[in-house]
Amino acid sequence: MTDGSARPEVAQILARLGVPAPSRVTPLGGGWDTTMWRVEHDGLLSALRLFRAEQQRTFAREVRAMQLAGAGGIPTPEVRAQGAWDGRPVVLLSWCHGQPLARALLRQPRRSRRLGELFGEMQARIHGIQLDEGAMPGGLDWRAWAGAGEDALRARLDETGPRADALLHLDYHPLNVLVDRHGITGVLDWANAAAGEPRADVARTLSILRFMAAFPFMARGQGLARLAPFVAGWRRGYGAVAGPLADLPPYRAWAAAVMVHDLAPRAGRPGFWFTARDLANLERRADDWKHRAGVVS
């Protein structure tokens, strides 16, 4: 679908980037924080992403993370142009073909385990990218993401000897990974990227996968059953590349605390899938993981 009313604005944005007006523009849904369009120039497809004015750091972090990941052999969008329009950061990215892995799981459930293996292998490859000090300026402080009042949890994490030099995605889940019949074609949405400890990224993914059962595209009551073969494959694929992960409970506690911190302000809002009941369940789960990890407040 082409949105003619959006085309003049897109043409102006592209002109600011030094890019000719497109032959076709398609508004894209999805994305909590940015406006996106698919644009076409003589058969060449790109994604145009417009950030909010206050997202300068997020924009810089995401662009840098994609560049680092791409240089490390991860299939990420190529940055074709970047700049600002009306005080807002904007970037033109190469188009990644394929469908969201979440959609493939629903349409091709027999591939769930294999898709999980590919998903885990790719995450381990991301963690295999070792960053030099200062390579991720403005990167997310992953420890602080759990919110205020988590000093005991942060102290417990420090006891595990966390790394500070692995590339972390920190929003790695089946909606941000594209696949085709051959494998993974793209890893998207690097807004949370940081340098840090791989176990944090693994725990974050586990936390998101658990609650994917409540996402609108997953049937309630069937979500966990649908995801079980995928999760098993993901663990196997990750371990095959990166080896076993020790002392994971403190990171599971951290990931649950992060989700509470992120979702509590939006729980129960009209049109948002996360309910007050979901929040109460998540808070209990965070407390349970803290207990298992030996976190003493």
C-alpha atoms as a PDB file:
ATOM      1  CA  MET A   1       0.000   0.000   0.000  1.00  0.00           C
ATOM      2  CA  THR A   2       1.250   3.489  -0.817  1.00  0.00           C
ATOM      3  CA  ASP A   3       0.284   6.385   1.394  1.00  0.00           C
ATOM      4  CA  GLY A   4       0.225   9.428  -0.860  1.00  0.00           C
ATOM      5  CA  SER A   5      -0.298  11.839   2.029  1.00  0.00           C
ATOM      6  CA  ALA A   6       2.948  10.681   3.683  1.00  0.00           C
ATOM      7  CA  ARG A   7       5.008  10.917   0.513  1.00  0.00           C
ATOM      8  CA  PRO A   8       5.770  14.688   0.560  1.00  0.00           C
ATOM      9  CA  GLU A   9       7.077  14.453   4.124  1.00  0.00           C
ATOM     10  CA  VAL A  10       9.208  11.413   3.266  1.00  0.00           C
ATOM     11  CA  ALA A  11      10.564  13.157   0.164  1.00  0.00           C
ATOM     12  CA  GLN A  12      11.592  16.133   2.310  1.00  0.00           C
ATOM     13  CA  ILE A  13      13.316  13.886   4.847  1.00  0.00           C
ATOM     14  CA  LEU A  14      15.190  12.027   2.126  1.00  0.00           C
ATOM     15  CA  ALA A  15      16.198  15.286   0.461  1.00  0.00           C
ATOM     16  CA  ARG A  16      17.745  16.385   3.754  1.00  0.00           C
ATOM     17  CA  LEU A  17      19.763  13.150   3.667  1.00  0.00           C
ATOM     18  CA  GLY A  18      20.825  13.827   0.080  1.00  0.00           C
ATOM     19  CA  VAL A  19      18.679  10.988  -1.269  1.00  0.00           C
ATOM     20  CA  PRO A  20      16.331  11.380  -4.298  1.00  0.00           C
ATOM     21  CA  ALA A  21      12.574  11.227  -3.857  1.00  0.00           C
ATOM     22  CA  PRO A  22      11.310   7.630  -3.805  1.00  0.00           C
ATOM     23  CA  SER A  23       9.099   6.040  -6.412  1.00  0.00           C
ATOM     24  CA  ARG A  24       7.031   4.302  -3.753  1.00  0.00           C
ATOM     25  CA  VAL A  25       6.419   4.820  -0.018  1.00  0.00           C
ATOM     26  CA  THR A  26       4.745   2.393   2.370  1.00  0.00           C
ATOM     27  CA  PRO A  27       4.134   3.309   6.036  1.00  0.00           C
ATOM     28  CA  LEU A  28       5.218   0.532   8.381  1.00  0.00           C
ATOM     29  CA  GLY A  29       3.570  -0.521  11.601  1.00  0.00           C
ATOM     30  CA  GLY A  30       5.420  -1.709  14.662  1.00  0.00           C
ATOM     31  CA  GLY A  31       8.094  -0.014  16.739  1.00  0.00           C
ATOM     32  CA  TRP A  32       7.223   1.653  20.035  1.00  0.00           C
ATOM     33  CA  ASP A  33       9.383   4.727  19.649  1.00  0.00           C
ATOM     34  CA  THR A  34       9.936   5.579  15.996  1.00  0.00           C
ATOM     35  CA  THR A  35       8.080   6.267  12.762  1.00  0.00           C
ATOM     36  CA  MET A  36       9.047   4.052   9.831  1.00  0.00           C
ATOM     37  CA  TRP A  37       8.472   3.810   6.107  1.00  0.00           C
ATOM     38  CA  ARG A  38       9.522   1.371   3.423  1.00  0.00           C
ATOM     39  CA  VAL A  39      10.832   3.367   0.479  1.00  0.00           C
ATOM     40  CA  GLU A  40      11.773   2.273  -3.024  1.00  0.00           C
ATOM     41  CA  HIS A  41      14.229   3.850  -5.466  1.00  0.00           C
ATOM     42  CA  ASP A  42      14.350   2.156  -8.871  1.00  0.00           C
ATOM     43  CA  GLY A  43      13.787  -1.248  -7.322  1.00  0.00           C
ATOM     44  CA  LEU A  44      16.160  -0.655  -4.379  1.00  0.00           C
ATOM     45  CA  LEU A  45      14.332  -1.095  -1.063  1.00  0.00           C
ATOM     46  CA  SER A  46      15.210   0.763   2.122  1.00  0.00           C
ATOM     47  CA  ALA A  47      13.714   1.419   5.541  1.00  0.00           C
ATOM     48  CA  LEU A  48      13.454   5.044   6.654  1.00  0.00           C
ATOM     49  CA  ARG A  49      13.342   5.443  10.431  1.00  0.00           C
ATOM     50  CA  LEU A  50      12.522   8.739  12.135  1.00  0.00           C
ATOM     51  CA  PHE A  51      13.268   9.036  15.860  1.00  0.00           C
ATOM     52  CA  ARG A  52      11.866  11.457  18.408  1.00  0.00           C
ATOM     53  CA  ALA A  53      13.889  14.596  19.135  1.00  0.00           C
ATOM     54  CA  GLU A  54      14.866  13.363  22.608  1.00  0.00           C
ATOM     55  CA  GLN A  55      16.228  10.076  21.243  1.00  0.00           C
ATOM     56  CA  GLN A  56      19.637  11.342  20.143  1.00  0.00           C
ATOM     57  CA  ARG A  57      21.497   8.890  22.373  1.00  0.00           C
ATOM     58  CA  THR A  58      19.270   5.985  21.370  1.00  0.00           C
ATOM     59  CA  PHE A  59      19.803   6.846  17.699  1.00  0.00           C
ATOM     60  CA  ALA A  60      23.591   7.030  18.062  1.00  0.00           C
ATOM     61  CA  ARG A  61      23.689   3.802  20.072  1.00  0.00           C
ATOM     62  CA  GLU A  62      21.579   1.884  17.558  1.00  0.00           C
ATOM     63  CA  VAL A  63      23.532   3.061  14.533  1.00  0.00           C
ATOM     64  CA  ARG A  64      26.847   2.213  16.202  1.00  0.00           C
ATOM     65  CA  ALA A  65      25.624  -1.210  17.318  1.00  0.00           C
ATOM     66  CA  MET A  66      24.455  -2.108  13.809  1.00  0.00           C
ATOM     67  CA  GLN A  67      27.817  -1.076  12.406  1.00  0.00           C
ATOM     68  CA  LEU A  68      29.707  -3.174  14.978  1.00  0.00           C
ATOM     69  CA  ALA A  69      27.431  -6.174  14.511  1.00  0.00           C
ATOM     70  CA  GLY A  70      27.605  -5.953  10.735  1.00  0.00           C
ATOM     71  CA  ALA A  71      31.399  -5.773  10.841  1.00  0.00           C
ATOM     72  CA  GLY A  72      31.286  -8.936  12.951  1.00  0.00           C
ATOM     73  CA  GLY A  73      29.307 -10.849  10.341  1.00  0.00           C
ATOM     74  CA  ILE A  74      25.839 -10.458  11.865  1.00  0.00           C
ATOM     75  CA  PRO A  75      23.070  -9.835   9.293  1.00  0.00           C
ATOM     76  CA  THR A  76      21.967  -6.329  10.199  1.00  0.00           C
ATOM     77  CA  PRO A  77      20.613  -3.432   8.136  1.00  0.00           C
ATOM     78  CA  GLU A  78      23.292  -1.365   6.429  1.00  0.00           C
ATOM     79  CA  VAL A  79      23.265   2.339   7.255  1.00  0.00           C
ATOM     80  CA  ARG A  80      22.829   4.057   3.873  1.00  0.00           C
ATOM     81  CA  ALA A  81      22.374   7.609   5.172  1.00  0.00           C
ATOM     82  CA  GLN A  82      21.850   9.365   8.488  1.00  0.00           C
ATOM     83  CA  GLY A  83      21.184  12.872   9.698  1.00  0.00           C
ATOM     84  CA  ALA A  84      18.418  14.993  11.195  1.00  0.00           C
ATOM     85  CA  TRP A  85      15.102  16.407  10.061  1.00  0.00           C
ATOM     86  CA  ASP A  86      13.189  19.033  12.025  1.00  0.00           C
ATOM     87  CA  GLY A  87      15.459  18.385  15.010  1.00  0.00           C
ATOM     88  CA  ARG A  88      14.810  14.637  14.933  1.00  0.00           C
ATOM     89  CA  PRO A  89      17.412  11.941  14.170  1.00  0.00           C
ATOM     90  CA  VAL A  90      16.730   9.961  10.999  1.00  0.00           C
ATOM     91  CA  VAL A  91      18.432   7.015   9.342  1.00  0.00           C
ATOM     92  CA  LEU A  92      17.999   5.240   6.007  1.00  0.00           C
ATOM     93  CA  LEU A  93      18.697   1.513   6.264  1.00  0.00           C
ATOM     94  CA  SER A  94      18.999  -1.270   3.741  1.00  0.00           C
ATOM     95  CA  TRP A  95      15.915  -3.481   3.607  1.00  0.00           C
ATOM     96  CA  CYS A  96      16.225  -6.910   5.244  1.00  0.00           C
ATOM     97  CA  HIS A  97      14.135  -9.517   3.465  1.00  0.00           C
ATOM     98  CA  GLY A  98      12.309 -12.303   5.236  1.00  0.00           C
ATOM     99  CA  GLN A  99       9.510 -12.567   7.775  1.00  0.00           C
ATOM    100  CA  PRO A 100       9.600 -12.090  11.554  1.00  0.00           C
ATOM    101  CA  LEU A 101      10.634 -15.298  13.259  1.00  0.00           C
ATOM    102  CA  ALA A 102       7.505 -15.028  15.445  1.00  0.00           C
ATOM    103  CA  ARG A 103       5.330 -15.306  12.332  1.00  0.00           C
ATOM    104  CA  ALA A 104       7.316 -18.298  11.092  1.00  0.00           C
ATOM    105  CA  LEU A 105       6.744 -20.040  14.423  1.00  0.00           C
ATOM    106  CA  LEU A 106       2.988 -19.687  14.003  1.00  0.00           C
ATOM    107  CA  ARG A 107       2.898 -20.621  10.335  1.00  0.00           C
ATOM    108  CA  GLN A 108       5.468 -23.434  10.438  1.00  0.00           C
ATOM    109  CA  PRO A 109       5.346 -25.028  13.906  1.00  0.00           C
ATOM    110  CA  ARG A 110       7.231 -28.102  12.670  1.00  0.00           C
ATOM    111  CA  ARG A 111      10.294 -25.870  12.188  1.00  0.00           C
ATOM    112  CA  SER A 112      10.162 -24.557  15.767  1.00  0.00           C
ATOM    113  CA  ARG A 113      13.094 -26.537  17.135  1.00  0.00           C
ATOM    114  CA  ARG A 114      15.337 -25.809  14.155  1.00  0.00           C
ATOM    115  CA  LEU A 115      14.385 -22.130  14.181  1.00  0.00           C
ATOM    116  CA  GLY A 116      15.254 -22.094  17.867  1.00  0.00           C
ATOM    117  CA  GLU A 117      18.680 -23.551  17.138  1.00  0.00           C
ATOM    118  CA  LEU A 118      19.363 -20.883  14.526  1.00  0.00           C
ATOM    119  CA  PHE A 119      18.123 -18.205  16.925  1.00  0.00           C
ATOM    120  CA  GLY A 120      20.464 -19.424  19.681  1.00  0.00           C
ATOM    121  CA  GLU A 121      23.456 -19.780  17.366  1.00  0.00           C
ATOM    122  CA  MET A 122      22.983 -16.210  16.142  1.00  0.00           C
ATOM    123  CA  GLN A 123      22.772 -14.791  19.659  1.00  0.00           C
ATOM    124  CA  ALA A 124      25.963 -16.604  20.609  1.00  0.00           C
ATOM    125  CA  ARG A 125      27.659 -15.168  17.523  1.00  0.00           C
ATOM    126  CA  ILE A 126      26.606 -11.677  18.627  1.00  0.00           C
ATOM    127  CA  HIS A 127      28.145 -12.305  22.049  1.00  0.00           C
ATOM    128  CA  GLY A 128      31.307 -13.494  20.334  1.00  0.00           C
ATOM    129  CA  ILE A 129      31.950  -9.948  19.111  1.00  0.00           C
ATOM    130  CA  GLN A 130      34.436  -8.523  21.595  1.00  0.00           C
ATOM    131  CA  LEU A 131      34.402  -4.746  21.883  1.00  0.00           C
ATOM    132  CA  ASP A 132      37.304  -2.484  22.665  1.00  0.00           C
ATOM    133  CA  GLU A 133      36.879  -0.010  25.491  1.00  0.00           C
ATOM    134  CA  GLY A 134      34.879   2.965  24.271  1.00  0.00           C
ATOM    135  CA  ALA A 135      33.588   1.138  21.183  1.00  0.00           C
ATOM    136  CA  MET A 136      29.975   1.667  22.287  1.00  0.00           C
ATOM    137  CA  PRO A 137      29.728   5.305  23.452  1.00  0.00           C
ATOM    138  CA  GLY A 138      26.317   5.913  24.956  1.00  0.00           C
ATOM    139  CA  GLY A 139      25.721   2.188  25.375  1.00  0.00           C
ATOM    140  CA  LEU A 140      23.054   1.171  27.845  1.00  0.00           C
ATOM    141  CA  ASP A 141      24.189   0.649  31.457  1.00  0.00           C
ATOM    142  CA  TRP A 142      22.617  -2.796  31.691  1.00  0.00           C
ATOM    143  CA  ARG A 143      23.071  -3.136  35.474  1.00  0.00           C
ATOM    144  CA  ALA A 144      21.194   0.090  36.198  1.00  0.00           C
ATOM    145  CA  TRP A 145      18.318  -0.971  33.943  1.00  0.00           C
ATOM    146  CA  ALA A 146      16.781  -2.941  36.823  1.00  0.00           C
ATOM    147  CA  GLY A 147      15.794   0.389  38.392  1.00  0.00           C
ATOM    148  CA  ALA A 148      16.392   2.077  41.722  1.00  0.00           C
ATOM    149  CA  GLY A 149      16.481   0.129  44.963  1.00  0.00           C
ATOM    150  CA  GLU A 150      18.260  -2.897  43.488  1.00  0.00           C
ATOM    151  CA  ASP A 151      21.629  -2.467  45.188  1.00  0.00           C
ATOM    152  CA  ALA A 152      21.596  -6.013  46.591  1.00  0.00           C
ATOM    153  CA  LEU A 153      20.896  -7.448  43.165  1.00  0.00           C
ATOM    154  CA  ARG A 154      23.697  -5.439  41.572  1.00  0.00           C
ATOM    155  CA  ALA A 155      26.092  -6.595  44.300  1.00  0.00           C
ATOM    156  CA  ARG A 156      25.136 -10.210  43.605  1.00  0.00           C
ATOM    157  CA  LEU A 157      25.754  -9.698  39.888  1.00  0.00           C
ATOM    158  CA  ASP A 158      29.205  -8.303  40.660  1.00  0.00           C
ATOM    159  CA  GLU A 159      30.011 -11.528  42.523  1.00  0.00           C
ATOM    160  CA  THR A 160      29.584 -13.505  39.284  1.00  0.00           C
ATOM    161  CA  GLY A 161      32.530 -11.758  37.603  1.00  0.00           C
ATOM    162  CA  PRO A 162      30.591 -10.229  34.708  1.00  0.00           C
ATOM    163  CA  ARG A 163      32.346  -9.368  31.466  1.00  0.00           C
ATOM    164  CA  ALA A 164      32.289  -5.821  30.155  1.00  0.00           C
ATOM    165  CA  ASP A 165      33.334  -6.354  26.549  1.00  0.00           C
ATOM    166  CA  ALA A 166      30.754  -8.554  24.758  1.00  0.00           C
ATOM    167  CA  LEU A 167      28.231  -7.017  22.367  1.00  0.00           C
ATOM    168  CA  LEU A 168      24.737  -7.371  23.843  1.00  0.00           C
ATOM    169  CA  HIS A 169      21.500  -6.826  21.939  1.00  0.00           C
ATOM    170  CA  LEU A 170      19.202  -6.768  25.012  1.00  0.00           C
ATOM    171  CA  ASP A 171      15.995  -6.987  23.001  1.00  0.00           C
ATOM    172  CA  TYR A 172      16.702 -10.252  21.225  1.00  0.00           C
ATOM    173  CA  HIS A 173      13.426 -12.051  20.592  1.00  0.00           C
ATOM    174  CA  PRO A 174      11.448 -13.513  17.646  1.00  0.00           C
ATOM    175  CA  LEU A 175       9.869 -10.201  16.670  1.00  0.00           C
ATOM    176  CA  ASN A 176      13.298  -8.649  16.099  1.00  0.00           C
ATOM    177  CA  VAL A 177      14.753 -11.480  14.031  1.00  0.00           C
ATOM    178  CA  LEU A 178      13.879 -12.103  10.375  1.00  0.00           C
ATOM    179  CA  VAL A 179      14.070 -15.488   8.672  1.00  0.00           C
ATOM    180  CA  ASP A 180      13.499 -17.132   5.315  1.00  0.00           C
ATOM    181  CA  ARG A 181      13.558 -20.810   4.359  1.00  0.00           C
ATOM    182  CA  HIS A 182      17.352 -20.828   4.449  1.00  0.00           C
ATOM    183  CA  GLY A 183      17.970 -19.201   7.839  1.00  0.00           C
ATOM    184  CA  ILE A 184      18.203 -15.856   9.621  1.00  0.00           C
ATOM    185  CA  THR A 185      18.237 -12.862   7.267  1.00  0.00           C
ATOM    186  CA  GLY A 186      18.288  -9.959   9.712  1.00  0.00           C
ATOM    187  CA  VAL A 187      18.634  -8.916  13.359  1.00  0.00           C
ATOM    188  CA  LEU A 188      16.783  -5.666  13.976  1.00  0.00           C
ATOM    189  CA  ASP A 189      16.157  -3.061  16.685  1.00  0.00           C
ATOM    190  CA  TRP A 190      19.488  -2.446  18.418  1.00  0.00           C
ATOM    191  CA  ALA A 191      18.208   0.460  20.540  1.00  0.00           C
ATOM    192  CA  ASN A 192      19.127  -1.274  23.829  1.00  0.00           C
ATOM    193  CA  ALA A 193      22.587  -2.439  22.736  1.00  0.00           C
ATOM    194  CA  ALA A 194      25.435  -2.375  25.227  1.00  0.00           C
ATOM    195  CA  ALA A 195      28.827  -3.823  26.013  1.00  0.00           C
ATOM    196  CA  GLY A 196      28.646  -6.259  28.878  1.00  0.00           C
ATOM    197  CA  GLU A 197      28.007  -9.773  30.147  1.00  0.00           C
ATOM    198  CA  PRO A 198      26.394 -12.329  27.768  1.00  0.00           C
ATOM    199  CA  ARG A 199      24.426 -13.920  30.614  1.00  0.00           C
ATOM    200  CA  ALA A 200      22.454 -10.696  30.954  1.00  0.00           C
ATOM    201  CA  ASP A 201      21.386 -10.867  27.306  1.00  0.00           C
ATOM    202  CA  VAL A 202      20.517 -14.571  27.601  1.00  0.00           C
ATOM    203  CA  ALA A 203      18.422 -13.946  30.699  1.00  0.00           C
ATOM    204  CA  ARG A 204      16.716 -11.001  29.039  1.00  0.00           C
ATOM    205  CA  THR A 205      15.753 -13.240  26.102  1.00  0.00           C
ATOM    206  CA  LEU A 206      14.458 -15.954  28.434  1.00  0.00           C
ATOM    207  CA  SER A 207      12.355 -13.385  30.275  1.00  0.00           C
ATOM    208  CA  ILE A 208      10.847 -12.062  27.048  1.00  0.00           C
ATOM    209  CA  LEU A 209      10.169 -15.546  25.673  1.00  0.00           C
ATOM    210  CA  ARG A 210       8.288 -16.517  28.806  1.00  0.00           C
ATOM    211  CA  PHE A 211       5.936 -13.592  28.414  1.00  0.00           C
ATOM    212  CA  MET A 212       5.529 -13.975  24.668  1.00  0.00           C
ATOM    213  CA  ALA A 213       2.721 -16.382  25.567  1.00  0.00           C
ATOM    214  CA  ALA A 214       0.676 -13.316  26.513  1.00  0.00           C
ATOM    215  CA  PHE A 215       1.484 -11.285  23.389  1.00  0.00           C
ATOM    216  CA  PRO A 216      -1.526 -10.599  21.142  1.00  0.00           C
ATOM    217  CA  PHE A 217      -0.236 -12.809  18.305  1.00  0.00           C
ATOM    218  CA  MET A 218       0.015 -15.854  20.599  1.00  0.00           C
ATOM    219  CA  ALA A 219      -3.198 -17.587  21.670  1.00  0.00           C
ATOM    220  CA  ARG A 220      -3.527 -17.451  25.446  1.00  0.00           C
ATOM    221  CA  GLY A 221      -3.208 -20.906  26.966  1.00  0.00           C
ATOM    222  CA  GLN A 222      -1.245 -22.139  23.939  1.00  0.00           C
ATOM    223  CA  GLY A 223       1.701 -19.765  23.919  1.00  0.00           C
ATOM    224  CA  LEU A 224       4.048 -21.670  26.234  1.00  0.00           C
ATOM    225  CA  ALA A 225       3.258 -24.962  24.511  1.00  0.00           C
ATOM    226  CA  ARG A 226       3.962 -23.376  21.134  1.00  0.00           C
ATOM    227  CA  LEU A 227       7.261 -21.973  22.346  1.00  0.00           C
ATOM    228  CA  ALA A 228       8.589 -25.020  24.218  1.00  0.00           C
ATOM    229  CA  PRO A 229      10.314 -26.700  21.217  1.00  0.00           C
ATOM    230  CA  PHE A 230      11.661 -23.323  20.116  1.00  0.00           C
ATOM    231  CA  VAL A 231      13.129 -22.570  23.557  1.00  0.00           C
ATOM    232  CA  ALA A 232      14.709 -26.031  23.709  1.00  0.00           C
ATOM    233  CA  GLY A 233      16.275 -25.451  20.294  1.00  0.00           C
ATOM    234  CA  TRP A 234      17.456 -21.990  21.319  1.00  0.00           C
ATOM    235  CA  ARG A 235      19.262 -23.361  24.377  1.00  0.00           C
ATOM    236  CA  ARG A 236      20.880 -26.072  22.291  1.00  0.00           C
ATOM    237  CA  GLY A 237      21.959 -23.695  19.523  1.00  0.00           C
ATOM    238  CA  TYR A 238      23.410 -21.167  21.944  1.00  0.00           C
ATOM    239  CA  GLY A 239      25.299 -23.802  23.896  1.00  0.00           C
ATOM    240  CA  ALA A 240      26.720 -25.352  20.740  1.00  0.00           C
ATOM    241  CA  VAL A 241      28.460 -22.087  19.900  1.00  0.00           C
ATOM    242  CA  ALA A 242      29.155 -20.475  23.274  1.00  0.00           C
ATOM    243  CA  GLY A 243      29.227 -23.403  25.671  1.00  0.00           C
ATOM    244  CA  PRO A 244      27.351 -23.675  28.985  1.00  0.00           C
ATOM    245  CA  LEU A 245      26.546 -20.650  31.096  1.00  0.00           C
ATOM    246  CA  ALA A 246      27.249 -20.842  34.839  1.00  0.00           C
ATOM    247  CA  ASP A 247      25.520 -19.010  37.703  1.00  0.00           C
ATOM    248  CA  LEU A 248      22.545 -17.802  35.643  1.00  0.00           C
ATOM    249  CA  PRO A 249      19.963 -17.242  38.468  1.00  0.00           C
ATOM    250  CA  PRO A 250      21.257 -13.742  39.389  1.00  0.00           C
ATOM    251  CA  TYR A 251      20.783 -12.741  35.763  1.00  0.00           C
ATOM    252  CA  ARG A 252      17.309 -14.270  35.641  1.00  0.00           C
ATOM    253  CA  ALA A 253      16.483 -12.145  38.692  1.00  0.00           C
ATOM    254  CA  TRP A 254      17.941  -9.085  36.977  1.00  0.00           C
ATOM    255  CA  ALA A 255      15.957  -9.723  33.788  1.00  0.00           C
ATOM    256  CA  ALA A 256      12.706 -10.076  35.722  1.00  0.00           C
ATOM    257  CA  ALA A 257      13.455  -6.848  37.607  1.00  0.00           C
ATOM    258  CA  VAL A 258      14.137  -5.095  34.277  1.00  0.00           C
ATOM    259  CA  MET A 259      10.803  -6.232  32.910  1.00  0.00           C
ATOM    260  CA  VAL A 260       8.998  -5.018  36.028  1.00  0.00           C
ATOM    261  CA  HIS A 261      10.767  -1.664  35.741  1.00  0.00           C
ATOM    262  CA  ASP A 262       9.906  -1.366  32.035  1.00  0.00           C
ATOM    263  CA  LEU A 263       6.311  -2.565  32.040  1.00  0.00           C
ATOM    264  CA  ALA A 264       4.916  -1.384  35.389  1.00  0.00           C
ATOM    265  CA  PRO A 265       4.154   2.155  34.115  1.00  0.00           C
ATOM    266  CA  ARG A 266       2.137   0.718  31.206  1.00  0.00           C
ATOM    267  CA  ALA A 267       0.339  -2.149  32.941  1.00  0.00           C
ATOM    268  CA  GLY A 268      -3.412  -2.023  32.387  1.00  0.00           C
ATOM    269  CA  ARG A 269      -3.364   0.851  29.931  1.00  0.00           C
ATOM    270  CA  PRO A 270      -6.023   0.678  27.201  1.00  0.00           C
ATOM    271  CA  GLY A 271      -4.759  -1.102  24.117  1.00  0.00           C
ATOM    272  CA  PHE A 272      -1.668  -2.500  25.831  1.00  0.00           C
ATOM    273  CA  TRP A 273      -1.473  -6.290  26.255  1.00  0.00           C
ATOM    274  CA  PHE A 274       0.181  -6.254  29.708  1.00  0.00           C
ATOM    275  CA  THR A 275      -2.403  -6.275  32.522  1.00  0.00           C
ATOM    276  CA  ALA A 276      -2.188  -5.533  36.238  1.00  0.00           C
ATOM    277  CA  ARG A 277      -2.528  -9.268  36.841  1.00  0.00           C
ATOM    278  CA  ASP A 278       0.441  -9.916  34.535  1.00  0.00           C
ATOM    279  CA  LEU A 279       2.449  -7.367  36.526  1.00  0.00           C
ATOM    280  CA  ALA A 280       1.635  -9.042  39.843  1.00  0.00           C
ATOM    281  CA  ASN A 281       2.721 -12.404  38.418  1.00  0.00           C
ATOM    282  CA  LEU A 282       5.933 -10.878  37.105  1.00  0.00           C
ATOM    283  CA  GLU A 283       6.742  -9.259  40.450  1.00  0.00           C
ATOM    284  CA  ARG A 284       6.288 -12.622  42.178  1.00  0.00           C
ATOM    285  CA  ARG A 285       8.561 -14.242  39.603  1.00  0.00           C
ATOM    286  CA  ALA A 286      11.226 -11.570  40.155  1.00  0.00           C
ATOM    287  CA  ASP A 287      11.098 -12.179  43.902  1.00  0.00           C
ATOM    288  CA  ASP A 288      11.370 -15.937  43.335  1.00  0.00           C
ATOM    289  CA  TRP A 289      14.479 -15.557  41.164  1.00  0.00           C
ATOM    290  CA  LYS A 290      16.064 -13.225  43.696  1.00  0.00           C
ATOM    291  CA  HIS A 291      15.510 -15.879  46.352  1.00  0.00           C
ATOM    292  CA  ARG A 292      17.057 -18.574  44.125  1.00  0.00           C
ATOM    293  CA  ALA A 293      20.021 -16.300  43.405  1.00  0.00           C
ATOM    294  CA  GLY A 294      20.641 -15.599  47.090  1.00  0.00           C
ATOM    295  CA  VAL A 295      19.897 -11.887  46.778  1.00  0.00           C
ATOM    296  CA  VAL A 296      19.393 -10.528  50.293  1.00  0.00           C
ATOM    297  CA  SER A 297      17.804  -7.070  50.474  1.00  0.00           C
END
